[in-house]
Protein backbone atom coordinates (compact mmCIF):
# COMPACT_ATOMS: atom_id res chain seq x y z
CA MET A 1 0.01 0.01 -0.01
CA MET A 2 2.79 2.40 0.85
CA TRP A 3 4.38 2.14 -2.61
CA VAL A 4 1.10 3.12 -4.31
CA LEU A 5 0.76 6.22 -2.14
CA VAL A 6 4.45 7.15 -2.62
CA LEU A 7 4.12 6.81 -6.40
CA PHE A 8 0.90 8.96 -6.30
CA PHE A 9 2.57 11.83 -4.53
CA VAL A 10 5.86 11.59 -6.48
CA LEU A 11 4.03 11.81 -9.81
CA LEU A 12 1.91 14.66 -8.48
CA ALA A 13 5.04 16.51 -7.28
CA VAL A 14 6.85 16.25 -10.63
CA GLY A 15 3.89 17.74 -12.52
CA VAL A 16 2.30 14.66 -14.19
CA PRO A 17 -1.32 15.48 -15.17
CA ILE A 18 -3.68 14.39 -12.41
CA GLY A 19 -5.68 12.05 -14.65
CA PHE A 20 -2.54 10.01 -15.48
CA VAL A 21 -1.41 10.16 -11.84
CA LEU A 22 -4.70 8.57 -10.69
CA GLY A 23 -4.63 5.93 -13.44
CA ILE A 24 -1.04 4.91 -12.97
CA ALA A 25 -1.40 4.65 -9.17
CA GLY A 26 -4.61 2.75 -9.56
CA VAL A 27 -3.13 0.23 -11.97
CA LEU A 28 -0.20 -0.29 -9.62
CA GLY A 29 -2.63 -0.81 -6.79
CA ILE A 30 -4.53 -3.46 -8.80
CA MET A 31 -1.28 -5.29 -9.57
CA GLN A 32 -0.35 -5.13 -5.89
CA VAL A 33 -3.61 -6.85 -5.00
CA GLY A 34 -3.60 -9.67 -7.56
CA GLY A 35 -0.63 -9.39 -9.86
CA ALA A 36 -0.73 -9.09 -13.64
CA GLU A 37 -3.83 -11.34 -13.80
CA MET A 38 -5.87 -8.49 -12.26
CA LEU A 39 -4.93 -5.97 -14.94
CA ALA A 40 -8.02 -6.91 -16.95
CA MET A 41 -10.01 -5.18 -14.23
CA ALA A 42 -8.47 -1.75 -15.03
CA PRO A 43 -10.41 -1.11 -18.27
CA GLN A 44 -13.55 -2.49 -16.71
CA ARG A 45 -13.24 -0.03 -13.81
CA TYR A 46 -12.27 2.75 -16.22
CA PHE A 47 -15.54 2.49 -18.15
CA ALA A 48 -17.65 1.66 -15.12
CA GLY A 49 -16.54 4.97 -13.58
CA LEU A 50 -18.28 6.80 -16.42
CA ASP A 51 -21.31 4.54 -16.76
CA LEU A 52 -23.75 6.90 -15.11
CA PHE A 53 -26.55 8.57 -17.12
CA THR A 54 -26.46 11.73 -14.99
CA PHE A 55 -22.88 12.40 -16.14
CA LEU A 56 -24.32 13.29 -19.57
CA ALA A 57 -25.52 16.57 -18.02
CA MET A 58 -21.95 17.78 -17.63
CA PRO A 59 -20.94 18.21 -21.28
CA LEU A 60 -24.40 19.65 -22.05
CA PHE A 61 -24.08 22.33 -19.36
CA ILE A 62 -20.51 23.05 -20.54
CA PHE A 63 -21.74 23.39 -24.13
CA ALA A 64 -24.62 25.64 -23.10
CA GLY A 65 -22.06 27.87 -21.28
CA GLU A 66 -19.92 28.08 -24.42
CA ILE A 67 -22.92 29.16 -26.50
CA MET A 68 -23.95 31.77 -23.93
CA ASN A 69 -20.48 33.24 -23.80
CA ARG A 70 -20.44 33.51 -27.61
CA ALA A 71 -24.01 34.92 -27.69
CA GLY A 72 -23.04 37.92 -25.54
CA ILE A 73 -25.31 37.05 -22.65
CA THR A 74 -22.52 38.10 -20.25
CA GLU A 75 -22.71 41.71 -21.46
CA ARG A 76 -26.51 41.82 -21.09
CA LEU A 77 -26.42 40.49 -17.54
CA ALA A 78 -23.65 42.97 -16.68
CA ALA A 79 -25.69 45.85 -18.04
CA PHE A 80 -28.67 44.86 -15.89
CA ALA A 81 -26.45 44.46 -12.83
CA ASP A 82 -24.91 47.90 -13.49
CA ALA A 83 -28.35 49.48 -13.64
CA LEU A 84 -29.06 48.04 -10.13
CA VAL A 85 -25.82 48.74 -8.20
CA GLY A 86 -23.47 50.65 -10.59
CA HIS A 87 -24.11 53.95 -8.78
CA LEU A 88 -22.42 52.75 -5.52
CA ARG A 89 -18.82 53.27 -4.60
CA GLY A 90 -16.98 50.45 -6.30
CA GLY A 91 -20.08 50.19 -8.48
CA MET A 92 -18.41 48.29 -11.32
CA ALA A 93 -17.05 45.72 -8.90
CA GLN A 94 -20.46 45.40 -7.29
CA SER A 95 -22.01 44.97 -10.75
CA CYS A 96 -19.51 42.24 -11.52
CA MET A 97 -20.51 40.41 -8.35
CA VAL A 98 -24.27 40.70 -9.14
CA SER A 99 -23.51 39.51 -12.70
CA SER A 100 -21.74 36.50 -11.25
CA VAL A 101 -24.83 35.56 -9.24
CA LEU A 102 -27.03 35.91 -12.33
CA PHE A 103 -24.56 34.04 -14.53
CA ALA A 104 -24.20 31.25 -11.93
CA GLY A 105 -27.79 30.14 -12.49
CA ILE A 106 -27.04 29.59 -16.19
CA THR A 107 -23.72 27.71 -16.50
CA GLY A 108 -22.56 26.79 -12.99
CA ALA A 109 -18.94 26.60 -14.13
CA ALA A 110 -16.34 28.72 -12.31
CA VAL A 111 -13.71 28.54 -15.03
CA ALA A 112 -16.19 29.49 -17.80
CA GLU A 113 -17.38 32.44 -15.71
CA ALA A 114 -13.83 33.56 -14.94
CA ALA A 115 -12.95 33.45 -18.63
CA ALA A 116 -16.07 35.34 -19.66
CA PHE A 117 -15.75 38.14 -17.07
CA GLY A 118 -11.97 38.21 -17.26
CA SER A 119 -12.12 39.24 -20.89
CA THR A 120 -14.93 41.79 -20.43
CA MET A 121 -15.22 43.12 -16.87
CA VAL A 122 -11.53 43.38 -15.97
CA PRO A 123 -10.63 45.66 -18.94
CA ALA A 124 -13.71 47.77 -18.20
CA MET A 125 -12.82 48.12 -14.51
CA THR A 126 -9.15 49.00 -15.14
CA LYS A 127 -10.23 51.56 -17.72
CA ASN A 128 -12.39 53.21 -15.04
CA GLY A 129 -9.66 53.51 -12.44
CA TYR A 130 -9.59 50.13 -10.65
CA LYS A 131 -6.24 48.50 -10.04
CA ARG A 132 -5.98 45.45 -12.26
CA PRO A 133 -5.11 42.96 -9.39
CA PHE A 134 -8.22 44.04 -7.48
CA ALA A 135 -10.38 43.74 -10.62
CA CYS A 136 -9.03 40.25 -11.20
CA ALA A 137 -9.67 39.34 -7.58
CA VAL A 138 -13.26 40.43 -7.84
CA VAL A 139 -13.81 38.25 -10.93
CA VAL A 140 -12.10 35.27 -9.26
CA ALA A 141 -14.20 35.59 -6.09
CA GLY A 142 -17.38 35.89 -8.19
CA SER A 143 -16.55 32.86 -10.27
CA ILE A 144 -16.77 30.61 -7.20
CA ILE A 145 -20.48 31.53 -6.90
CA GLY A 146 -20.96 29.74 -10.27
CA PRO A 147 -20.70 26.13 -9.09
CA THR A 148 -22.46 26.96 -5.80
CA ILE A 149 -25.71 28.23 -7.21
CA PRO A 150 -27.00 25.43 -9.45
CA PRO A 151 -26.54 24.01 -11.96
CA SER A 152 -23.21 22.63 -10.73
CA ASN A 153 -21.10 19.89 -12.31
CA LEU A 154 -19.55 19.01 -8.90
CA MET A 155 -23.00 18.47 -7.45
CA VAL A 156 -23.86 16.17 -10.36
CA ILE A 157 -20.67 14.14 -9.74
CA TYR A 158 -21.23 13.96 -5.95
CA GLY A 159 -24.95 13.13 -6.18
CA SER A 160 -24.29 10.39 -8.80
CA MET A 161 -21.56 8.73 -6.73
CA MET A 162 -23.25 8.97 -3.34
CA GLY A 163 -26.87 8.40 -4.36
CA VAL A 164 -27.84 11.82 -2.99
CA SER A 165 -30.61 13.70 -4.72
CA ILE A 166 -29.08 16.00 -7.29
CA ALA A 167 -32.20 18.18 -7.27
CA GLY A 168 -31.83 18.40 -3.46
CA LEU A 169 -28.21 19.48 -3.80
CA PHE A 170 -29.17 22.07 -6.36
CA ALA A 171 -31.85 23.49 -4.11
CA ALA A 172 -29.48 23.48 -1.15
CA GLY A 173 -26.93 25.63 -3.04
CA ILE A 174 -29.25 28.52 -3.74
CA LEU A 175 -29.23 30.31 -0.37
CA PRO A 176 -25.46 29.77 0.37
CA GLY A 177 -24.65 31.08 -3.11
CA LEU A 178 -26.69 34.20 -2.56
CA VAL A 179 -25.13 34.73 0.87
CA MET A 180 -21.68 34.32 -0.71
CA GLY A 181 -22.49 37.03 -3.24
CA LEU A 182 -23.77 39.27 -0.45
CA PHE A 183 -20.63 38.69 1.66
CA CYS A 184 -18.39 39.54 -1.31
CA MET A 185 -20.37 42.73 -1.95
CA CYS A 186 -19.91 43.68 1.65
CA VAL A 187 -16.12 43.16 1.22
CA ILE A 188 -16.16 45.55 -1.78
CA ALA A 189 -18.18 48.09 0.17
CA GLY A 190 -15.77 47.79 3.15
CA LEU A 191 -12.77 48.31 0.89
CA GLY A 192 -14.35 51.12 -1.06
CA ARG A 193 -12.98 54.09 0.83
CA ARG A 194 -9.72 52.49 1.91
CA LEU A 195 -8.80 51.63 -1.67
CA ASN A 196 -10.51 54.76 -3.03
CA LEU A 197 -12.57 52.75 -5.40
CA PRO A 198 -14.33 54.81 -8.12
CA LYS A 199 -17.91 55.80 -7.47
CA GLY A 200 -20.40 55.10 -10.21
CA SER A 201 -22.81 57.42 -11.91
CA GLU A 202 -25.87 58.88 -10.21
CA ARG A 203 -28.63 56.64 -9.02
CA PRO A 204 -30.37 55.14 -12.09
CA SER A 205 -33.94 56.01 -12.88
CA LEU A 206 -36.69 53.44 -12.82
CA ARG A 207 -36.87 53.77 -16.58
CA ARG A 208 -33.25 52.75 -17.03
CA VAL A 209 -33.64 49.74 -14.68
CA LEU A 210 -36.75 48.57 -16.59
CA TYR A 211 -35.00 49.03 -19.91
CA ALA A 212 -32.00 46.98 -18.72
CA PHE A 213 -34.33 44.32 -17.35
CA ARG A 214 -36.28 44.07 -20.61
CA HIS A 215 -33.01 43.96 -22.57
CA SER A 216 -31.74 40.97 -20.54
CA LEU A 217 -35.08 39.26 -19.89
CA SER A 218 -34.53 36.43 -22.37
CA ALA A 219 -31.20 35.61 -20.66
CA LEU A 220 -32.80 35.82 -17.16
CA VAL A 221 -35.45 33.35 -18.13
CA MET A 222 -32.83 30.65 -18.59
CA PRO A 223 -32.06 29.89 -14.94
CA VAL A 224 -35.81 29.81 -14.27
CA LEU A 225 -36.19 27.16 -16.99
CA ILE A 226 -33.24 25.10 -15.75
CA LEU A 227 -33.86 25.27 -12.00
CA GLY A 228 -37.63 25.39 -12.19
CA GLY A 229 -37.70 22.26 -14.34
CA ILE A 230 -35.34 20.32 -12.09
CA LEU A 231 -36.68 21.40 -8.73
CA SER A 232 -40.27 20.85 -9.75
CA GLY A 233 -39.47 17.32 -10.90
CA VAL A 234 -40.66 17.99 -14.47
CA VAL A 235 -37.23 17.18 -15.96
CA THR A 236 -34.05 15.46 -14.81
CA PRO A 237 -30.76 17.42 -14.59
CA THR A 238 -29.66 15.78 -17.90
CA GLU A 239 -32.89 16.78 -19.65
CA ALA A 240 -32.57 20.34 -18.24
CA ALA A 241 -29.06 20.56 -19.60
CA ALA A 242 -30.33 19.59 -23.07
CA ILE A 243 -33.06 22.23 -22.82
CA ALA A 244 -30.42 24.79 -21.82
CA VAL A 245 -28.41 23.96 -24.95
CA PHE A 246 -31.40 24.37 -27.30
CA TYR A 247 -32.56 27.55 -25.54
CA ALA A 248 -29.07 29.09 -25.69
CA LEU A 249 -28.81 28.16 -29.37
CA GLY A 250 -32.13 29.79 -30.08
CA LEU A 251 -31.09 32.96 -28.30
CA GLY A 252 -27.67 33.14 -29.86
CA MET A 253 -28.74 32.38 -33.45
CA PHE A 254 -32.27 33.85 -33.82
CA VAL A 255 -32.64 36.53 -31.13
CA TYR A 256 -29.20 38.05 -30.60
CA HIS A 257 -27.73 36.95 -33.98
CA ARG A 258 -24.32 36.48 -32.40
CA VAL A 259 -23.87 32.71 -33.01
CA LYS A 260 -23.50 31.27 -36.51
CA LEU A 261 -23.40 27.64 -37.60
CA ALA A 262 -19.69 27.94 -38.33
CA ASP A 263 -19.12 28.81 -34.63
CA LEU A 264 -20.58 25.50 -33.46
CA VAL A 265 -17.52 23.50 -34.46
CA ASP A 266 -15.18 25.58 -32.34
CA MET A 267 -17.57 25.50 -29.38
CA LEU A 268 -18.02 21.71 -29.64
CA VAL A 269 -14.25 21.25 -29.74
CA ARG A 270 -13.83 23.36 -26.63
CA THR A 271 -16.62 21.44 -24.89
CA ALA A 272 -15.00 18.12 -25.87
CA ARG A 273 -11.63 19.22 -24.52
CA ILE A 274 -13.03 20.35 -21.16
CA THR A 275 -15.27 17.27 -20.85
CA GLY A 276 -12.39 14.95 -21.87
CA VAL A 277 -10.22 16.25 -19.08
CA VAL A 278 -12.93 15.90 -16.46
CA PHE A 279 -14.01 12.43 -17.60
CA LEU A 280 -10.44 11.21 -17.78
CA ILE A 281 -10.02 12.21 -14.13
CA ILE A 282 -13.35 10.55 -13.13
CA ALA A 283 -12.56 7.31 -14.95
CA ALA A 284 -8.97 7.06 -13.69
CA ALA A 285 -10.02 7.95 -10.17
CA SER A 286 -12.56 5.06 -10.16
CA ILE A 287 -9.61 2.61 -10.53
CA LEU A 288 -7.80 4.13 -7.60
CA SER A 289 -11.05 4.29 -5.59
CA TRP A 290 -11.55 0.54 -6.11
CA TRP A 291 -8.07 -0.15 -4.73
CA MET A 292 -8.64 2.18 -1.78
CA THR A 293 -11.88 0.39 -0.98
CA TYR A 294 -10.22 -3.04 -1.27
CA MET A 295 -7.41 -1.93 1.10
CA GLN A 296 -10.06 -0.47 3.45
CA LEU A 297 -8.53 2.97 3.34
CA PRO A 298 -11.96 4.65 3.86
CA GLN A 299 -12.38 2.80 7.14
CA MET A 300 -8.83 3.65 8.19
CA ILE A 301 -9.41 7.37 7.44
CA THR A 302 -12.70 7.29 9.34
CA GLN A 303 -11.09 5.61 12.32
CA LEU A 304 -8.26 8.18 12.24
CA PHE A 305 -10.68 11.06 12.40
CA LEU A 306 -12.79 9.43 15.07
CA GLY A 307 -9.64 8.53 17.00
CA LEU A 308 -8.62 12.18 17.15
CA SER A 309 -12.04 13.31 18.42
CA SER A 310 -15.59 12.05 18.84
CA ASN A 311 -17.03 15.54 18.87
CA PRO A 312 -19.08 16.14 15.64
CA SER A 313 -18.07 19.83 15.44
CA THR A 314 -14.42 18.96 15.67
CA ILE A 315 -14.72 16.23 13.02
CA ILE A 316 -16.48 18.64 10.67
CA LEU A 317 -13.67 21.14 11.27
CA MET A 318 -11.02 18.50 10.39
CA ILE A 319 -12.91 17.63 7.22
CA LEU A 320 -13.05 21.28 6.15
CA LEU A 321 -9.35 21.90 6.87
CA LEU A 322 -8.40 18.76 4.93
CA LEU A 323 -10.43 19.76 1.89
CA LEU A 324 -9.24 23.41 1.94
CA VAL A 325 -5.59 22.32 2.16
CA LEU A 326 -5.91 19.63 -0.55
CA GLY A 327 -7.76 22.12 -2.78
CA MET A 328 -4.69 24.30 -2.84
CA PHE A 329 -2.59 21.55 -4.41
CA MET A 330 -4.83 19.10 -6.27
CA ASP A 331 -7.52 19.12 -8.97
CA ILE A 332 -10.85 19.42 -7.18
CA ASN A 333 -12.58 16.84 -9.41
CA ALA A 334 -9.98 14.28 -8.40
CA ILE A 335 -10.38 15.13 -4.70
CA LEU A 336 -14.13 14.82 -4.94
CA ILE A 337 -14.05 11.42 -6.62
CA VAL A 338 -11.37 9.94 -4.37
CA LEU A 339 -12.29 11.44 -1.00
CA GLY A 340 -15.88 12.60 -1.52
CA PRO A 341 -17.48 9.19 -0.70
CA ILE A 342 -15.16 8.73 2.33
CA LEU A 343 -15.71 12.17 3.87
CA GLY A 344 -19.41 12.24 2.91
CA ALA A 345 -19.99 8.92 4.69
CA LEU A 346 -17.99 10.20 7.70
CA ALA A 347 -20.05 13.36 7.88
CA THR A 348 -23.38 11.51 7.71
CA SER A 349 -22.15 8.96 10.31
CA ILE A 350 -21.93 11.81 12.86
CA GLY A 351 -25.51 12.93 12.13
CA MET A 352 -25.10 15.45 9.26
CA ASN A 353 -27.81 15.46 6.67
CA PRO A 354 -26.52 13.87 3.36
CA VAL A 355 -27.51 16.94 1.33
CA GLN A 356 -25.78 19.33 3.79
CA ALA A 357 -22.68 17.13 3.80
CA GLY A 358 -22.56 17.07 -0.01
CA LEU A 359 -22.92 20.83 -0.27
CA MET A 360 -20.25 21.40 2.40
CA ILE A 361 -17.78 19.21 0.54
CA VAL A 362 -18.57 20.78 -2.87
CA LEU A 363 -18.26 24.38 -1.53
CA ALA A 364 -14.98 23.58 0.26
CA LEU A 365 -13.56 22.27 -3.04
CA ASN A 366 -14.92 25.25 -5.00
CA ILE A 367 -12.86 27.54 -2.83
CA GLY A 368 -9.81 25.59 -3.99
CA LEU A 369 -10.41 27.13 -7.45
CA MET A 370 -9.30 30.52 -6.08
CA THR A 371 -6.43 29.56 -3.76
CA PRO A 372 -2.83 29.30 -4.91
CA PRO A 373 -0.78 27.56 -6.10
CA VAL A 374 -3.09 25.57 -8.46
CA GLY A 375 -6.43 27.48 -8.38
CA ALA A 376 -7.92 27.11 -11.85
CA SER A 377 -9.76 30.44 -11.78
CA LEU A 378 -6.54 32.18 -10.72
CA PHE A 379 -4.69 30.74 -13.75
CA VAL A 380 -7.52 31.66 -16.12
CA LEU A 381 -7.46 35.30 -14.96
CA SER A 382 -3.72 35.49 -15.08
CA SER A 383 -3.54 34.10 -18.57
CA ILE A 384 -6.31 36.34 -19.91
CA THR A 385 -5.23 39.61 -18.30
CA GLY A 386 -1.46 39.10 -18.06
CA GLU A 387 -1.54 39.96 -14.32
CA ARG A 388 0.79 38.02 -12.04
CA ILE A 389 -0.84 35.34 -9.83
CA GLU A 390 0.99 36.72 -6.80
CA ALA A 391 -0.63 40.15 -7.30
CA ILE A 392 -4.09 38.73 -7.76
CA THR A 393 -3.68 36.53 -4.68
CA ALA A 394 -2.60 39.48 -2.52
CA ALA A 395 -5.77 41.35 -3.50
CA MET A 396 -8.00 38.38 -3.08
CA TRP A 397 -7.58 37.34 0.55
CA PRO A 398 -10.49 39.47 1.88
CA PHE A 399 -12.75 37.60 -0.49
CA VAL A 400 -11.28 34.23 0.47
CA ILE A 401 -11.96 34.94 4.18
CA ALA A 402 -15.58 35.97 3.31
CA GLU A 403 -16.21 32.81 1.28
CA VAL A 404 -14.59 30.55 3.89
CA GLY A 405 -17.01 32.24 6.39
CA VAL A 406 -19.96 31.09 4.20
CA LEU A 407 -18.43 27.60 4.13
CA PHE A 408 -18.51 27.46 7.93
CA LEU A 409 -22.09 28.68 7.96
CA VAL A 410 -23.03 25.84 5.64
CA ALA A 411 -21.15 23.33 7.84
CA TYR A 412 -22.52 24.47 11.22
CA TRP A 413 -25.91 26.05 10.39
CA PRO A 414 -28.11 23.32 8.75
CA SER A 415 -31.00 25.65 8.10
CA LEU A 416 -29.02 27.71 5.61
CA THR A 417 -28.58 24.63 3.44
CA LEU A 418 -31.72 22.63 4.07
CA THR A 419 -34.44 25.32 4.09
CA MET A 420 -34.91 25.37 0.29
CA PRO A 421 -34.93 21.54 -0.16
CA ARG A 422 -37.48 21.24 2.61
CA LEU A 423 -39.67 24.02 1.14
CA LEU A 424 -39.59 22.19 -2.22
CA GLY A 425 -40.17 18.77 -0.71
CA LEU A 426 -36.80 17.40 -1.81
């Protein structure tokens, strides 16, 4: 067992892609259990790891996000947000955060949101007097709201693996996502005078707000279609994702006239690349997960935690710290697939509701997207804007603290997470 773990961390340290790290370590683990005769199990586990119908929702939501970025929906949502809060000090940053909340209910992908706002909102903010590291930090912090407010690919993965209601997880993410947006807006307001953030134009008239609302109404309908269909039980998450694709295509091609047939090839290729990376990690992790189960590592980890403390609050704290630290160094999809079932089972064994436990784990991993050294949203903003990761990180810590605060509310205040699922009967 020790050699498998040593190989895993050595390959990770030298920079081997995480999907290959998981696969190689898993194959070595299979050989350790039964020798070369057991190798036939590797391809079986590889495909079994992807043999879940609900996983089909992931490429569809990714494709819908690609279409919406190309269709210019980001700009329309930003214009509506600016009409609401653009007059405040730090108004453009506040508008970016409100836009993130609105955009979250459409794609649910942090990296896609970071890319969309990084290429539009950051140049606009720097042009209006914001320091570029701060503008990047605002976009990174807002992008984490994306996979918290449904739809969320991480919730689809967790719900599929653990047998937890995906609709319940989606409903549970709504209030924490809104609170996260509110906390980040409070951070911007608190930093407004100290950083001398520009103050926006005068308070908008009702006419301007109504015009911006009408201009973005067709985009705002989309999260209602997606979430309303799933939470009401009319459609499954996979069917809702397909509806999102067709609705986005209709908007982009026939309403906004920003998407052409020739654009579909490029968007499909981008979707295939993103999906391929995620699915490679999921499939390879299923091999390693089988070995871990055979070697009874989940039971060993559970006994370790329970051996350190029997207090539920302390165990939850240890789970959170473990996920936050691992999220700084590993791909969050890999962490979720390998450790999600272990930590989820541990959390429910101490009395936590399965939906609350799932959302807590997903949110803790989402925060890993904005923490160095391997935060995906950080790298996206750095590559798009040319700003150094160190500078963005220095400006981002107030937002990290705010979002970790929401994480602890989710972990220790069940009502924040479970109110919406209970209201909807999920």
